Amino acid sequence: MASMILRWLGRLAAVAGVLLSAVTGILRLQGHFWLGGFQAGTLLLGGIALMMFACLCYLVLIERQVLKR
C-alpha cells in the first residue's frame, strides 16, 4: 500500500514539476518576469523541487525492492 502511494506521489510531483517548469520557461522566454505575484525564477525553482521530490519517491521505491531480495 505504501509503495502505491509513493509511486503515485512521485508521478504527480513529476508531472506537476514538468508543467510548472515548462510554463515558467515559456513565459520567461516571452519576457514575463512575474506570474501570479511570483517571480519566474521562484516558480522555476518550485518546479525543480517538485521533480526532485519525485526522484526521491522513486529512489525509496527502488531501495525497498532491492532490500527485499
N, C-alpha and C. Protein backbone atom coordinates (compact mmCIF):
# COMPACT_ATOMS: atom_id res chain seq x y z
N MET A 1 0.82 -1.20 0.00
CA MET A 1 0.00 0.00 0.00
C MET A 1 0.87 1.27 0.00
N ALA A 2 1.91 1.27 0.85
CA ALA A 2 2.79 2.44 0.90
C ALA A 2 3.54 2.62 -0.41
N SER A 3 3.88 1.52 -1.05
CA SER A 3 4.58 1.61 -2.34
C SER A 3 3.69 2.25 -3.40
N MET A 4 2.41 1.92 -3.37
CA MET A 4 1.48 2.51 -4.34
C MET A 4 1.34 4.01 -4.09
N ILE A 5 1.29 4.40 -2.83
CA ILE A 5 1.17 5.82 -2.50
C ILE A 5 2.43 6.58 -2.95
N LEU A 6 3.60 6.00 -2.68
CA LEU A 6 4.84 6.63 -3.11
C LEU A 6 4.93 6.73 -4.62
N ARG A 7 4.47 5.69 -5.31
CA ARG A 7 4.51 5.70 -6.77
C ARG A 7 3.62 6.82 -7.32
N TRP A 8 2.41 6.96 -6.77
CA TRP A 8 1.50 7.99 -7.26
C TRP A 8 1.95 9.39 -6.85
N LEU A 9 2.53 9.52 -5.66
CA LEU A 9 3.10 10.81 -5.26
C LEU A 9 4.22 11.22 -6.21
N GLY A 10 5.06 10.25 -6.54
CA GLY A 10 6.15 10.53 -7.48
C GLY A 10 5.65 10.93 -8.85
N ARG A 11 4.66 10.23 -9.33
CA ARG A 11 4.11 10.55 -10.65
C ARG A 11 3.47 11.94 -10.67
N LEU A 12 2.67 12.23 -9.66
CA LEU A 12 2.01 13.54 -9.61
C LEU A 12 3.01 14.68 -9.46
N ALA A 13 3.99 14.49 -8.60
CA ALA A 13 5.01 15.52 -8.41
C ALA A 13 5.81 15.74 -9.68
N ALA A 14 6.13 14.65 -10.40
CA ALA A 14 6.89 14.77 -11.64
C ALA A 14 6.11 15.54 -12.70
N VAL A 15 4.85 15.18 -12.87
CA VAL A 15 4.03 15.87 -13.87
C VAL A 15 3.85 17.34 -13.50
N ALA A 16 3.56 17.61 -12.23
CA ALA A 16 3.38 19.00 -11.80
C ALA A 16 4.68 19.79 -11.96
N GLY A 17 5.81 19.17 -11.64
CA GLY A 17 7.09 19.85 -11.77
C GLY A 17 7.44 20.17 -13.21
N VAL A 18 7.20 19.22 -14.09
CA VAL A 18 7.49 19.45 -15.51
C VAL A 18 6.58 20.54 -16.07
N LEU A 19 5.30 20.48 -15.73
CA LEU A 19 4.38 21.50 -16.23
C LEU A 19 4.71 22.89 -15.70
N LEU A 20 5.00 22.97 -14.40
CA LEU A 20 5.34 24.27 -13.81
C LEU A 20 6.61 24.83 -14.42
N SER A 21 7.62 23.98 -14.60
CA SER A 21 8.87 24.44 -15.19
C SER A 21 8.68 24.85 -16.65
N ALA A 22 7.90 24.08 -17.39
CA ALA A 22 7.67 24.40 -18.80
C ALA A 22 6.91 25.71 -18.96
N VAL A 23 5.84 25.88 -18.18
CA VAL A 23 5.05 27.11 -18.27
C VAL A 23 5.90 28.31 -17.87
N THR A 24 6.67 28.15 -16.82
CA THR A 24 7.53 29.25 -16.36
C THR A 24 8.59 29.57 -17.40
N GLY A 25 9.19 28.55 -17.99
CA GLY A 25 10.20 28.79 -19.01
C GLY A 25 9.63 29.49 -20.23
N ILE A 26 8.47 29.07 -20.66
CA ILE A 26 7.83 29.70 -21.83
C ILE A 26 7.49 31.15 -21.54
N LEU A 27 6.91 31.40 -20.36
CA LEU A 27 6.56 32.78 -20.02
C LEU A 27 7.80 33.65 -19.88
N ARG A 28 8.86 33.08 -19.34
CA ARG A 28 10.11 33.84 -19.17
C ARG A 28 10.71 34.17 -20.52
N LEU A 29 10.64 33.23 -21.47
CA LEU A 29 11.15 33.50 -22.81
C LEU A 29 10.33 34.56 -23.54
N GLN A 30 9.07 34.69 -23.16
CA GLN A 30 8.21 35.72 -23.76
C GLN A 30 8.42 37.08 -23.11
N GLY A 31 9.24 37.13 -22.08
CA GLY A 31 9.54 38.42 -21.46
C GLY A 31 8.75 38.72 -20.20
N HIS A 32 7.97 37.77 -19.71
CA HIS A 32 7.21 37.97 -18.48
C HIS A 32 8.07 37.55 -17.28
N PHE A 33 8.31 38.51 -16.39
CA PHE A 33 9.13 38.22 -15.23
C PHE A 33 8.30 37.82 -14.02
N TRP A 34 7.02 38.12 -14.04
CA TRP A 34 6.14 37.85 -12.90
C TRP A 34 4.94 37.05 -13.35
N LEU A 35 4.48 36.14 -12.50
CA LEU A 35 3.28 35.36 -12.77
C LEU A 35 2.56 35.12 -11.45
N GLY A 36 1.40 35.68 -11.33
CA GLY A 36 0.60 35.49 -10.12
C GLY A 36 1.27 36.02 -8.87
N GLY A 37 2.04 37.09 -8.99
CA GLY A 37 2.71 37.68 -7.84
C GLY A 37 4.04 37.02 -7.49
N PHE A 38 4.46 36.03 -8.26
CA PHE A 38 5.73 35.35 -8.02
C PHE A 38 6.67 35.63 -9.18
N GLN A 39 7.95 35.74 -8.87
CA GLN A 39 8.94 35.88 -9.93
C GLN A 39 9.08 34.57 -10.68
N ALA A 40 9.46 34.67 -11.94
CA ALA A 40 9.59 33.48 -12.78
C ALA A 40 10.64 32.52 -12.21
N GLY A 41 11.72 33.04 -11.68
CA GLY A 41 12.76 32.19 -11.11
C GLY A 41 12.27 31.39 -9.91
N THR A 42 11.41 32.00 -9.11
CA THR A 42 10.86 31.31 -7.95
C THR A 42 9.97 30.15 -8.39
N LEU A 43 9.16 30.36 -9.41
CA LEU A 43 8.30 29.29 -9.91
C LEU A 43 9.12 28.19 -10.57
N LEU A 44 10.19 28.57 -11.26
CA LEU A 44 11.06 27.56 -11.86
C LEU A 44 11.71 26.71 -10.77
N LEU A 45 12.13 27.36 -9.70
CA LEU A 45 12.72 26.63 -8.58
C LEU A 45 11.70 25.69 -7.93
N GLY A 46 10.44 26.11 -7.87
CA GLY A 46 9.38 25.24 -7.35
C GLY A 46 9.18 24.02 -8.23
N GLY A 47 9.24 24.20 -9.54
CA GLY A 47 9.12 23.08 -10.47
C GLY A 47 10.27 22.10 -10.32
N ILE A 48 11.48 22.64 -10.15
CA ILE A 48 12.65 21.79 -9.96
C ILE A 48 12.53 21.02 -8.65
N ALA A 49 12.03 21.67 -7.61
CA ALA A 49 11.85 21.00 -6.31
C ALA A 49 10.83 19.87 -6.41
N LEU A 50 9.76 20.07 -7.16
CA LEU A 50 8.77 19.01 -7.35
C LEU A 50 9.37 17.82 -8.09
N MET A 51 10.17 18.09 -9.10
CA MET A 51 10.79 16.99 -9.83
C MET A 51 11.80 16.25 -8.96
N MET A 52 12.49 16.98 -8.09
CA MET A 52 13.44 16.34 -7.17
C MET A 52 12.70 15.46 -6.16
N PHE A 53 11.57 15.94 -5.68
CA PHE A 53 10.74 15.14 -4.77
C PHE A 53 10.28 13.84 -5.45
N ALA A 54 9.91 13.95 -6.73
CA ALA A 54 9.51 12.76 -7.49
C ALA A 54 10.66 11.77 -7.60
N CYS A 55 11.86 12.27 -7.85
CA CYS A 55 13.03 11.38 -7.92
C CYS A 55 13.28 10.70 -6.59
N LEU A 56 13.11 11.41 -5.49
CA LEU A 56 13.32 10.81 -4.19
C LEU A 56 12.26 9.75 -3.88
N CYS A 57 11.03 9.98 -4.31
CA CYS A 57 9.99 8.97 -4.12
C CYS A 57 10.35 7.69 -4.86
N TYR A 58 10.80 7.83 -6.11
CA TYR A 58 11.19 6.65 -6.88
C TYR A 58 12.43 5.99 -6.30
N LEU A 59 13.34 6.77 -5.72
CA LEU A 59 14.53 6.20 -5.10
C LEU A 59 14.15 5.33 -3.90
N VAL A 60 13.18 5.78 -3.12
CA VAL A 60 12.72 4.98 -1.98
C VAL A 60 12.10 3.68 -2.47
N LEU A 61 11.34 3.74 -3.56
CA LEU A 61 10.75 2.52 -4.12
C LEU A 61 11.83 1.54 -4.58
N ILE A 62 12.84 2.05 -5.25
CA ILE A 62 13.93 1.18 -5.72
C ILE A 62 14.64 0.57 -4.53
N GLU A 63 14.90 1.36 -3.51
CA GLU A 63 15.60 0.85 -2.34
C GLU A 63 14.80 -0.25 -1.65
N ARG A 64 13.50 -0.08 -1.55
CA ARG A 64 12.65 -1.10 -0.93
C ARG A 64 12.70 -2.42 -1.71
N GLN A 65 12.70 -2.32 -3.04
CA GLN A 65 12.75 -3.53 -3.85
C GLN A 65 14.10 -4.24 -3.73
N VAL A 66 15.17 -3.47 -3.64
CA VAL A 66 16.49 -4.07 -3.52
C VAL A 66 16.66 -4.73 -2.15
N LEU A 67 16.15 -4.11 -1.09
CA LEU A 67 16.29 -4.66 0.24
C LEU A 67 15.42 -5.89 0.47
N LYS A 68 14.37 -6.08 -0.35
CA LYS A 68 13.52 -7.26 -0.23
C LYS A 68 14.27 -8.52 -0.67
N ARG A 69 15.23 -8.37 -1.54
CA ARG A 69 15.93 -9.53 -2.11
C ARG A 69 16.89 -10.12 -1.14
